[in-house]
Structure formats: structure tokens, C-alpha cells
C-alpha atoms as a PDB file:
ATOM      1  CA  UNK A   1     -46.099 -23.112  11.019  1.00  0.00           C
ATOM      2  CA  UNK A   2     -47.131 -25.286  13.995  1.00  0.00           C
ATOM      3  CA  UNK A   3     -43.904 -27.344  13.727  1.00  0.00           C
ATOM      4  CA  UNK A   4     -41.744 -24.233  13.636  1.00  0.00           C
ATOM      5  CA  UNK A   5     -43.517 -22.906  16.729  1.00  0.00           C
ATOM      6  CA  UNK A   6     -42.866 -26.165  18.543  1.00  0.00           C
ATOM      7  CA  UNK A   7     -39.140 -26.435  17.787  1.00  0.00           C
ATOM      8  CA  UNK A   8     -38.259 -22.741  17.699  1.00  0.00           C
ATOM      9  CA  UNK A   9     -37.011 -20.319  15.112  1.00  0.00           C
ATOM     10  CA  UNK A  10     -34.433 -20.827  12.415  1.00  0.00           C
ATOM     11  CA  UNK A  11     -30.837 -20.271  13.551  1.00  0.00           C
ATOM     12  CA  UNK A  12     -28.333 -18.664  11.212  1.00  0.00           C
ATOM     13  CA  UNK A  13     -24.623 -18.094  11.712  1.00  0.00           C
ATOM     14  CA  UNK A  14     -21.823 -17.523   9.216  1.00  0.00           C
ATOM     15  CA  UNK A  15     -24.315 -17.898   6.354  1.00  0.00           C
ATOM     16  CA  UNK A  16     -25.248 -21.363   7.633  1.00  0.00           C
ATOM     17  CA  UNK A  17     -28.877 -22.058   8.509  1.00  0.00           C
ATOM     18  CA  UNK A  18     -29.847 -24.566  11.188  1.00  0.00           C
ATOM     19  CA  UNK A  19     -33.439 -25.722  10.845  1.00  0.00           C
ATOM     20  CA  UNK A  20     -35.783 -26.065  13.847  1.00  0.00           C
ATOM     21  CA  UNK A  21     -35.155 -29.243  15.849  1.00  0.00           C
ATOM     22  CA  UNK A  22     -31.789 -29.922  14.222  1.00  0.00           C
ATOM     23  CA  UNK A  23     -29.786 -28.903  17.291  1.00  0.00           C
ATOM     24  CA  UNK A  24     -31.785 -31.220  19.534  1.00  0.00           C
ATOM     25  CA  UNK A  25     -31.212 -34.063  17.093  1.00  0.00           C
ATOM     26  CA  UNK A  26     -27.465 -33.371  17.114  1.00  0.00           C
ATOM     27  CA  UNK A  27     -27.406 -33.345  20.909  1.00  0.00           C
ATOM     28  CA  UNK A  28     -29.221 -36.681  20.996  1.00  0.00           C
ATOM     29  CA  UNK A  29     -26.766 -38.028  18.445  1.00  0.00           C
ATOM     30  CA  UNK A  30     -23.843 -36.859  20.584  1.00  0.00           C
ATOM     31  CA  UNK A  31     -25.328 -38.337  23.751  1.00  0.00           C
ATOM     32  CA  UNK A  32     -25.791 -41.674  22.029  1.00  0.00           C
ATOM     33  CA  UNK A  33     -22.184 -41.534  20.843  1.00  0.00           C
ATOM     34  CA  UNK A  34     -20.981 -40.897  24.424  1.00  0.00           C
ATOM     35  CA  UNK A  35     -22.989 -43.911  25.583  1.00  0.00           C
ATOM     36  CA  UNK A  36     -21.296 -45.982  22.876  1.00  0.00           C
ATOM     37  CA  UNK A  37     -17.865 -44.548  23.847  1.00  0.00           C
ATOM     38  CA  UNK A  38     -17.607 -43.063  20.352  1.00  0.00           C
ATOM     39  CA  UNK A  39     -16.141 -39.861  21.713  1.00  0.00           C
ATOM     40  CA  UNK A  40     -14.835 -38.640  18.364  1.00  0.00           C
ATOM     41  CA  UNK A  41     -18.341 -38.868  16.919  1.00  0.00           C
ATOM     42  CA  UNK A  42     -19.747 -37.174  20.015  1.00  0.00           C
ATOM     43  CA  UNK A  43     -17.322 -34.270  19.672  1.00  0.00           C
ATOM     44  CA  UNK A  44     -18.239 -33.821  16.014  1.00  0.00           C
ATOM     45  CA  UNK A  45     -21.949 -33.641  16.840  1.00  0.00           C
ATOM     46  CA  UNK A  46     -21.518 -31.379  19.855  1.00  0.00           C
ATOM     47  CA  UNK A  47     -19.201 -29.007  17.984  1.00  0.00           C
ATOM     48  CA  UNK A  48     -21.977 -28.226  15.544  1.00  0.00           C
ATOM     49  CA  UNK A  49     -24.351 -27.448  18.383  1.00  0.00           C
ATOM     50  CA  UNK A  50     -21.716 -25.374  20.186  1.00  0.00           C
ATOM     51  CA  UNK A  51     -21.182 -23.284  17.059  1.00  0.00           C
ATOM     52  CA  UNK A  52     -24.821 -22.164  17.082  1.00  0.00           C
ATOM     53  CA  UNK A  53     -25.795 -22.386  20.737  1.00  0.00           C
ATOM     54  CA  UNK A  54     -22.739 -22.453  23.058  1.00  0.00           C
ATOM     55  CA  UNK A  55     -24.875 -21.984  26.185  1.00  0.00           C
ATOM     56  CA  UNK A  56     -27.326 -24.807  25.510  1.00  0.00           C
ATOM     57  CA  UNK A  57     -27.969 -26.394  28.956  1.00  0.00           C
ATOM     58  CA  UNK A  58     -28.040 -29.916  27.489  1.00  0.00           C
ATOM     59  CA  UNK A  59     -24.720 -29.479  25.725  1.00  0.00           C
ATOM     60  CA  UNK A  60     -21.929 -28.439  28.056  1.00  0.00           C
ATOM     61  CA  UNK A  61     -21.634 -31.478  30.363  1.00  0.00           C
ATOM     62  CA  UNK A  62     -21.546 -34.216  27.706  1.00  0.00           C
ATOM     63  CA  UNK A  63     -19.415 -32.050  25.392  1.00  0.00           C
ATOM     64  CA  UNK A  64     -16.804 -31.555  28.134  1.00  0.00           C
ATOM     65  CA  UNK A  65     -16.841 -35.299  28.826  1.00  0.00           C
ATOM     66  CA  UNK A  66     -16.394 -36.179  25.145  1.00  0.00           C
ATOM     67  CA  UNK A  67     -13.496 -33.739  24.823  1.00  0.00           C
ATOM     68  CA  UNK A  68     -11.895 -35.145  27.983  1.00  0.00           C
ATOM     69  CA  UNK A  69     -12.197 -38.725  26.738  1.00  0.00           C
ATOM     70  CA  UNK A  70     -10.779 -37.615  23.375  1.00  0.00           C
ATOM     71  CA  UNK A  71      -7.792 -36.149  25.247  1.00  0.00           C
ATOM     72  CA  UNK A  72      -8.538 -32.657  23.933  1.00  0.00           C
ATOM     73  CA  UNK A  73      -7.846 -31.294  27.387  1.00  0.00           C
ATOM     74  CA  UNK A  74      -7.405 -27.604  26.589  1.00  0.00           C
ATOM     75  CA  UNK A  75     -10.770 -27.441  24.859  1.00  0.00           C
ATOM     76  CA  UNK A  76     -12.333 -29.642  27.540  1.00  0.00           C
ATOM     77  CA  UNK A  77     -11.240 -27.240  30.260  1.00  0.00           C
ATOM     78  CA  UNK A  78     -12.775 -24.284  28.457  1.00  0.00           C
ATOM     79  CA  UNK A  79     -16.112 -26.059  28.138  1.00  0.00           C
ATOM     80  CA  UNK A  80     -15.933 -27.377  31.711  1.00  0.00           C
ATOM     81  CA  UNK A  81     -15.368 -23.812  32.912  1.00  0.00           C
ATOM     82  CA  UNK A  82     -18.517 -22.735  31.084  1.00  0.00           C
ATOM     83  CA  UNK A  83     -20.355 -25.631  32.686  1.00  0.00           C
ATOM     84  CA  UNK A  84     -19.299 -24.533  36.176  1.00  0.00           C
ATOM     85  CA  UNK A  85     -20.514 -20.993  35.475  1.00  0.00           C
ATOM     86  CA  UNK A  86     -23.787 -22.155  33.951  1.00  0.00           C
ATOM     87  CA  UNK A  87     -25.588 -22.729  37.227  1.00  0.00           C
ATOM     88  CA  UNK A  88     -25.692 -26.489  36.730  1.00  0.00           C
ATOM     89  CA  UNK A  89     -27.421 -28.489  39.455  1.00  0.00           C
ATOM     90  CA  UNK A  90     -24.598 -31.045  39.203  1.00  0.00           C
ATOM     91  CA  UNK A  91     -21.983 -28.512  40.301  1.00  0.00           C
ATOM     92  CA  UNK A  92     -19.777 -30.890  42.288  1.00  0.00           C
ATOM     93  CA  UNK A  93     -19.707 -33.517  39.555  1.00  0.00           C
ATOM     94  CA  UNK A  94     -18.865 -30.744  37.090  1.00  0.00           C
ATOM     95  CA  UNK A  95     -16.108 -29.612  39.457  1.00  0.00           C
ATOM     96  CA  UNK A  96     -14.773 -33.163  39.659  1.00  0.00           C
ATOM     97  CA  UNK A  97     -14.576 -33.271  35.871  1.00  0.00           C
ATOM     98  CA  UNK A  98     -12.901 -29.827  35.796  1.00  0.00           C
ATOM     99  CA  UNK A  99     -10.288 -30.978  38.319  1.00  0.00           C
ATOM    100  CA  UNK A 100      -9.615 -34.219  36.422  1.00  0.00           C
ATOM    101  CA  UNK A 101      -9.012 -32.182  33.266  1.00  0.00           C
ATOM    102  CA  UNK A 102      -6.744 -29.763  35.151  1.00  0.00           C
ATOM    103  CA  UNK A 103      -4.672 -32.670  36.480  1.00  0.00           C
ATOM    104  CA  UNK A 104      -4.227 -33.939  32.917  1.00  0.00           C
ATOM    105  CA  UNK A 105      -3.014 -30.465  31.947  1.00  0.00           C
ATOM    106  CA  UNK A 106      -0.587 -30.555  34.913  1.00  0.00           C
ATOM    107  CA  UNK A 107      -2.242 -27.518  36.495  1.00  0.00           C
ATOM    108  CA  UNK A 108      -1.329 -28.981  39.864  1.00  0.00           C
ATOM    109  CA  UNK A 109      -1.182 -25.768  41.891  1.00  0.00           C
ATOM    110  CA  UNK A 110      -4.625 -24.699  40.700  1.00  0.00           C
ATOM    111  CA  UNK A 111      -6.079 -28.099  41.587  1.00  0.00           C
ATOM    112  CA  UNK A 112      -4.568 -27.990  45.078  1.00  0.00           C
ATOM    113  CA  UNK A 113      -5.861 -24.480  45.767  1.00  0.00           C
ATOM    114  CA  UNK A 114      -9.327 -25.258  44.393  1.00  0.00           C
ATOM    115  CA  UNK A 115      -9.804 -28.413  46.465  1.00  0.00           C
ATOM    116  CA  UNK A 116      -8.458 -26.689  49.566  1.00  0.00           C
ATOM    117  CA  UNK A 117     -10.991 -23.877  49.124  1.00  0.00           C
ATOM    118  CA  UNK A 118     -13.869 -26.294  48.535  1.00  0.00           C
ATOM    119  CA  UNK A 119     -13.053 -28.260  51.676  1.00  0.00           C
ATOM    120  CA  UNK A 120     -12.311 -25.237  53.863  1.00  0.00           C
ATOM    121  CA  UNK A 121     -15.592 -23.593  52.892  1.00  0.00           C
ATOM    122  CA  UNK A 122     -17.430 -26.892  53.463  1.00  0.00           C
ATOM    123  CA  UNK A 123     -18.932 -26.832  49.982  1.00  0.00           C
ATOM    124  CA  UNK A 124     -18.300 -30.560  49.579  1.00  0.00           C
ATOM    125  CA  UNK A 125     -20.923 -32.719  51.352  1.00  0.00           C
ATOM    126  CA  UNK A 126     -19.621 -35.404  53.761  1.00  0.00           C
ATOM    127  CA  UNK A 127     -20.353 -38.268  51.349  1.00  0.00           C
ATOM    128  CA  UNK A 128     -18.059 -36.715  48.710  1.00  0.00           C
ATOM    129  CA  UNK A 129     -15.190 -35.571  50.949  1.00  0.00           C
ATOM    130  CA  UNK A 130     -13.278 -38.852  50.491  1.00  0.00           C
ATOM    131  CA  UNK A 131     -13.518 -38.523  46.702  1.00  0.00           C
ATOM    132  CA  UNK A 132     -12.120 -34.979  46.698  1.00  0.00           C
ATOM    133  CA  UNK A 133      -9.384 -35.919  49.161  1.00  0.00           C
ATOM    134  CA  UNK A 134      -8.437 -38.757  46.836  1.00  0.00           C
ATOM    135  CA  UNK A 135      -8.233 -36.322  43.900  1.00  0.00           C
ATOM    136  CA  UNK A 136      -6.077 -34.094  46.051  1.00  0.00           C
ATOM    137  CA  UNK A 137      -3.685 -36.910  46.939  1.00  0.00           C
ATOM    138  CA  UNK A 138      -3.498 -38.046  43.313  1.00  0.00           C
ATOM    139  CA  UNK A 139      -2.731 -34.483  42.261  1.00  0.00           C
ATOM    140  CA  UNK A 140       0.036 -34.241  44.842  1.00  0.00           C
ATOM    141  CA  UNK A 141       1.568 -37.565  43.808  1.00  0.00           C
ATOM    142  CA  UNK A 142       1.600 -36.635  40.152  1.00  0.00           C
ATOM    143  CA  UNK A 143       2.955 -33.149  40.834  1.00  0.00           C
ATOM    144  CA  UNK A 144       5.952 -34.715  42.570  1.00  0.00           C
ATOM    145  CA  UNK A 145       6.311 -37.690  40.271  1.00  0.00           C
ATOM    146  CA  UNK A 146       9.341 -36.341  38.413  1.00  0.00           C
ATOM    147  CA  UNK A 147      10.723 -33.883  40.946  1.00  0.00           C
ATOM    148  CA  UNK A 148      10.466 -35.555  44.350  1.00  0.00           C
ATOM    149  CA  UNK A 149      13.450 -37.867  44.058  1.00  0.00           C
ATOM    150  CA  UNK A 150      16.429 -38.284  46.330  1.00  0.00           C
ATOM    151  CA  UNK A 151      19.992 -38.464  45.036  1.00  0.00           C
ATOM    152  CA  UNK A 152      19.667 -42.172  44.233  1.00  0.00           C
ATOM    153  CA  UNK A 153      16.616 -41.495  42.069  1.00  0.00           C
ATOM    154  CA  UNK A 154      14.197 -43.306  44.384  1.00  0.00           C
ATOM    155  CA  UNK A 155      10.675 -41.962  44.653  1.00  0.00           C
ATOM    156  CA  UNK A 156      10.114 -40.464  48.116  1.00  0.00           C
ATOM    157  CA  UNK A 157       6.641 -41.807  48.722  1.00  0.00           C
ATOM    158  CA  UNK A 158       5.882 -44.286  51.465  1.00  0.00           C
ATOM    159  CA  UNK A 159       2.784 -46.126  52.562  1.00  0.00           C
ATOM    160  CA  UNK A 160       1.995 -49.080  54.786  1.00  0.00           C
ATOM    161  CA  UNK A 161       0.146 -52.241  53.869  1.00  0.00           C
ATOM    162  CA  UNK A 162      -2.658 -51.117  56.202  1.00  0.00           C
ATOM    163  CA  UNK A 163      -3.015 -47.815  54.331  1.00  0.00           C
ATOM    164  CA  UNK A 164      -2.986 -49.665  51.021  1.00  0.00           C
ATOM    165  CA  UNK A 165      -5.701 -52.070  52.144  1.00  0.00           C
ATOM    166  CA  UNK A 166      -7.957 -49.150  53.102  1.00  0.00           C
ATOM    167  CA  UNK A 167      -8.004 -47.912  49.479  1.00  0.00           C
ATOM    168  CA  UNK A 168     -10.511 -48.931  46.816  1.00  0.00           C
ATOM    169  CA  UNK A 169      -9.323 -51.045  43.858  1.00  0.00           C
ATOM    170  CA  UNK A 170      -9.222 -47.927  41.646  1.00  0.00           C
ATOM    171  CA  UNK A 171      -7.237 -46.020  44.265  1.00  0.00           C
ATOM    172  CA  UNK A 172      -4.797 -48.904  44.707  1.00  0.00           C
ATOM    173  CA  UNK A 173      -4.126 -48.954  40.964  1.00  0.00           C
ATOM    174  CA  UNK A 174      -3.649 -45.192  40.852  1.00  0.00           C
ATOM    175  CA  UNK A 175      -1.136 -45.407  43.689  1.00  0.00           C
ATOM    176  CA  UNK A 176       0.868 -48.101  41.910  1.00  0.00           C
ATOM    177  CA  UNK A 177       0.877 -46.006  38.715  1.00  0.00           C
ATOM    178  CA  UNK A 178       3.017 -43.452  40.563  1.00  0.00           C
ATOM    179  CA  UNK A 179       5.838 -45.999  40.648  1.00  0.00           C
ATOM    180  CA  UNK A 180       5.586 -47.103  37.019  1.00  0.00           C
ATOM    181  CA  UNK A 181       8.853 -46.660  35.100  1.00  0.00           C
ATOM    182  CA  UNK A 182      10.471 -45.339  38.250  1.00  0.00           C
ATOM    183  CA  UNK A 183      12.618 -46.667  41.074  1.00  0.00           C
ATOM    184  CA  UNK A 184      11.693 -46.999  44.721  1.00  0.00           C
ATOM    185  CA  UNK A 185      13.344 -47.989  47.974  1.00  0.00           C
ATOM    186  CA  UNK A 186      13.246 -51.229  49.908  1.00  0.00           C
ATOM    187  CA  UNK A 187      10.383 -50.166  52.164  1.00  0.00           C
ATOM    188  CA  UNK A 188       8.066 -49.909  49.138  1.00  0.00           C
ATOM    189  CA  UNK A 189       9.318 -53.237  47.803  1.00  0.00           C
ATOM    190  CA  UNK A 190       8.447 -54.879  51.117  1.00  0.00           C
ATOM    191  CA  UNK A 191       4.922 -53.451  50.992  1.00  0.00           C
ATOM    192  CA  UNK A 192       4.488 -54.641  47.394  1.00  0.00           C
ATOM    193  CA  UNK A 193       5.703 -58.082  48.469  1.00  0.00           C
ATOM    194  CA  UNK A 194       2.961 -58.100  51.121  1.00  0.00           C
ATOM    195  CA  UNK A 195       0.408 -56.965  48.542  1.00  0.00           C
ATOM    196  CA  UNK A 196       1.032 -59.909  46.218  1.00  0.00           C
ATOM    197  CA  UNK A 197       0.599 -62.359  49.095  1.00  0.00           C
ATOM    198  CA  UNK A 198      -2.860 -61.196  50.185  1.00  0.00           C
ATOM    199  CA  UNK A 199      -5.640 -63.114  48.449  1.00  0.00           C
ATOM    200  CA  UNK A 200      -8.245 -60.492  49.469  1.00  0.00           C
ATOM    201  CA  UNK A 201      -6.604 -57.970  47.141  1.00  0.00           C
ATOM    202  CA  UNK A 202      -7.973 -57.787  43.591  1.00  0.00           C
ATOM    203  CA  UNK A 203      -6.035 -60.044  41.135  1.00  0.00           C
ATOM    204  CA  UNK A 204      -5.402 -57.100  38.805  1.00  0.00           C
ATOM    205  CA  UNK A 205      -3.714 -55.168  41.607  1.00  0.00           C
ATOM    206  CA  UNK A 206      -1.647 -58.221  42.547  1.00  0.00           C
ATOM    207  CA  UNK A 207      -0.492 -58.596  38.947  1.00  0.00           C
ATOM    208  CA  UNK A 208       0.462 -54.930  38.756  1.00  0.00           C
ATOM    209  CA  UNK A 209       2.417 -55.171  42.031  1.00  0.00           C
ATOM    210  CA  UNK A 210       4.217 -58.245  40.698  1.00  0.00           C
ATOM    211  CA  UNK A 211       5.227 -56.383  37.551  1.00  0.00           C
ATOM    212  CA  UNK A 212       6.662 -53.563  39.663  1.00  0.00           C
ATOM    213  CA  UNK A 213       8.609 -56.054  41.784  1.00  0.00           C
ATOM    214  CA  UNK A 214       9.895 -57.705  38.613  1.00  0.00           C
ATOM    215  CA  UNK A 215      11.074 -54.353  37.258  1.00  0.00           C
ATOM    216  CA  UNK A 216      12.793 -53.498  40.547  1.00  0.00           C
ATOM    217  CA  UNK A 217      14.715 -56.811  40.535  1.00  0.00           C
ATOM    218  CA  UNK A 218      13.135 -58.083  43.735  1.00  0.00           C
ATOM    219  CA  UNK A 219      14.791 -61.474  44.338  1.00  0.00           C
ATOM    220  CA  UNK A 220      13.119 -62.770  47.500  1.00  0.00           C
ATOM    221  CA  UNK A 221      10.543 -65.543  47.308  1.00  0.00           C
ATOM    222  CA  UNK A 222       6.885 -64.608  47.729  1.00  0.00           C
ATOM    223  CA  UNK A 223       3.709 -66.712  47.862  1.00  0.00           C
ATOM    224  CA  UNK A 224       1.308 -65.262  45.337  1.00  0.00           C
ATOM    225  CA  UNK A 225      -2.371 -65.903  46.077  1.00  0.00           C
ATOM    226  CA  UNK A 226      -4.828 -65.505  43.213  1.00  0.00           C
ATOM    227  CA  UNK A 227      -8.174 -67.133  42.458  1.00  0.00           C
ATOM    228  CA  UNK A 228      -7.847 -69.437  45.457  1.00  0.00           C
ATOM    229  CA  UNK A 229      -4.448 -70.785  44.374  1.00  0.00           C
ATOM    230  CA  UNK A 230      -1.014 -70.193  45.876  1.00  0.00           C
ATOM    231  CA  UNK A 231       2.291 -70.264  44.014  1.00  0.00           C
ATOM    232  CA  UNK A 232       5.771 -69.437  45.276  1.00  0.00           C
ATOM    233  CA  UNK A 233       7.777 -67.265  42.907  1.00  0.00           C
ATOM    234  CA  UNK A 234      10.796 -64.984  42.802  1.00  0.00           C
ATOM    235  CA  UNK A 235       9.562 -61.806  41.025  1.00  0.00           C
ATOM    236  CA  UNK A 236      12.903 -60.991  39.377  1.00  0.00           C
ATOM    237  CA  UNK A 237      12.952 -64.432  37.719  1.00  0.00           C
ATOM    238  CA  UNK A 238       9.400 -64.386  36.410  1.00  0.00           C
ATOM    239  CA  UNK A 239       8.989 -64.902  32.692  1.00  0.00           C
ATOM    240  CA  UNK A 240       6.352 -62.249  32.171  1.00  0.00           C
ATOM    241  CA  UNK A 241       4.486 -62.189  28.828  1.00  0.00           C
ATOM    242  CA  UNK A 242       5.982 -59.810  26.300  1.00  0.00           C
ATOM    243  CA  UNK A 243       9.036 -59.121  28.451  1.00  0.00           C
ATOM    244  CA  UNK A 244       6.725 -57.442  31.024  1.00  0.00           C
ATOM    245  CA  UNK A 245       5.769 -54.498  28.784  1.00  0.00           C
ATOM    246  CA  UNK A 246       2.774 -56.402  27.485  1.00  0.00           C
ATOM    247  CA  UNK A 247       1.727 -57.215  31.035  1.00  0.00           C
ATOM    248  CA  UNK A 248       1.799 -53.556  31.963  1.00  0.00           C
ATOM    249  CA  UNK A 249      -0.145 -52.694  28.815  1.00  0.00           C
ATOM    250  CA  UNK A 250      -2.835 -55.267  29.585  1.00  0.00           C
ATOM    251  CA  UNK A 251      -3.148 -54.231  33.223  1.00  0.00           C
ATOM    252  CA  UNK A 252      -3.289 -50.559  32.256  1.00  0.00           C
ATOM    253  CA  UNK A 253      -5.970 -51.306  29.670  1.00  0.00           C
ATOM    254  CA  UNK A 254      -8.055 -53.207  32.216  1.00  0.00           C
ATOM    255  CA  UNK A 255      -7.617 -50.305  34.607  1.00  0.00           C
ATOM    256  CA  UNK A 256      -8.806 -47.872  31.932  1.00  0.00           C
ATOM    257  CA  UNK A 257     -11.882 -50.007  31.289  1.00  0.00           C
ATOM    258  CA  UNK A 258     -12.632 -50.174  35.014  1.00  0.00           C
ATOM    259  CA  UNK A 259     -12.248 -46.412  35.291  1.00  0.00           C
ATOM    260  CA  UNK A 260     -14.565 -45.828  32.313  1.00  0.00           C
ATOM    261  CA  UNK A 261     -17.120 -48.139  33.881  1.00  0.00           C
ATOM    262  CA  UNK A 262     -16.882 -46.199  37.114  1.00  0.00           C
ATOM    263  CA  UNK A 263     -17.158 -42.874  35.316  1.00  0.00           C
ATOM    264  CA  UNK A 264     -19.961 -44.183  33.111  1.00  0.00           C
ATOM    265  CA  UNK A 265     -22.400 -44.064  36.012  1.00  0.00           C
ATOM    266  CA  UNK A 266     -21.485 -40.436  36.604  1.00  0.00           C
ATOM    267  CA  UNK A 267     -21.654 -39.550  32.913  1.00  0.00           C
ATOM    268  CA  UNK A 268     -25.084 -41.194  32.651  1.00  0.00           C
ATOM    269  CA  UNK A 269     -26.268 -39.219  35.655  1.00  0.00           C
ATOM    270  CA  UNK A 270     -25.068 -36.025  33.993  1.00  0.00           C
ATOM    271  CA  UNK A 271     -26.778 -37.067  30.784  1.00  0.00           C
ATOM    272  CA  UNK A 272     -30.095 -37.406  32.611  1.00  0.00           C
ATOM    273  CA  UNK A 273     -29.612 -33.921  33.990  1.00  0.00           C
ATOM    274  CA  UNK A 274     -28.798 -32.640  30.503  1.00  0.00           C
ATOM    275  CA  UNK A 275     -31.983 -34.173  29.136  1.00  0.00           C
ATOM    276  CA  UNK A 276     -34.227 -32.639  31.794  1.00  0.00           C
END
């Protein structure tokens, strides 16, 4: 009787009985799976908890994250919406997750209106304004990715080398993604040519810019600076591994790992909040 009092009463739903303490064990199992990037296993554990206790304060944040990482975006948005309405103390991080999910679902207009309202009402603290502005710009780029083309098919997006240098490594990669499998005008090619010649830029970003120049047929010589070495090359004549598709795959994979590492700190912070 003392154990039952400690863990709570038996839960029953659809003729299934959940014994005291079982839900907490499942949540811990799911949290461990998220830490191990076993998002499928995390979803399986969290789904069982959600079936019995959909408003559990320890559940919603990691469940939404696991669904997002599993690319179950419709379900992730539903859970993220519940999280936002739950009174969570990590409201802005929950909102960031909600917006990331909405971008994946191509709900671009909703994302734009939401961020505009958050900024106009000064809900976002100064230290997070840059992050939300970045989400806003990413949303705008993606929303125009397939529609904002001129008659020649070139992407109508321009930036200077100075603007590019002001971005973080993650932001630089995201910007270059907008031009993947697309065409772009000479002004962008010139900026990319400057990118590959700056040794202070991350080697991954330089490689990605080189791949884009290769795809665009850029035939002017550039001096590529990586790891303290300089080599003169003509991008259109590079013999890229795997006919360049493999290079893109590798760079994208590294970018995904970097993004997961960056998000991992946030997910761990949300996990601590869930465990409190």
C-alpha cells in the first residue's frame, strides 16, 4: 500500500491497466532514447505515456522533439501546440520548436505572422531576437525557393560577402542550401568565389560553396584556402568525389550532425525542465 501511495493510483484506459510508476519509467526510457538519438524508440515510449496521460508535464517537450526528429511533422505540431498551451516555463524554446516544425510543413504564412507578432509585442528578449530573425529569414527564403524566379530561372536572392561573413557557420550553410539544385546569377557566383578564397570561413562552408560553383559551371580560377593551404582551381573542372552528388551528401550530413549538436544543448535544457 505504501508503494501505491508513493507512485499514485492505477491507470486504466481501453481495458489496459498501467501500474503505478510505469509511466515515469516510460518517460525516463524515452528521455534516454532522445539522448541517444534513438528517436523511433523515444516515440514508441512516449506514445504509451501520451495514451494514458496526454497532459503529463514531463512528456510534451521531449515527445514533440522526438516526433520532429522522426519527421512526423503533423503529429509533432499537434504535440508542440499542446506544449505551448501547457504553461511551460520554456515558452520561447517551445515556440522555436513549433516554428521549426511549421517551416517543415511549409506553413510559411503562419510562421511569418507568428514571428512578426512576437517581435512587435516584444515578447522575445533581446538575446533571442537574432535567433527569431534568422528563423524569419529562413522561412522567407524557403517560401520563395520555388516561386521567386525570373524568366531565366535564376533565384532572385542576393547577398554581399560582408553580409555572409556576419552569419554563423550554421546560418551560412542554411543560406547556401537555398541555392542547392537551383540556378543563380553572376553576382551570387562572384560572392561564392570570394567565399572559397577566405581562409577564415569554415572548411565545410568552403566545400559547399565550391560544389555550388562546380554545378553552376564557374570557369574562372580561384585560390582555395583550407587548413592553412592554398590551391588554385577552376571549379567547373574539379573532379569532385562521386560526380559531386556524394560531396553534397557528405556536406549535408555533416551539416545535419552540426545542427543536431547545436539543438542537443537546447533539447537537454528542455529535458532538465521536464524532469523538474
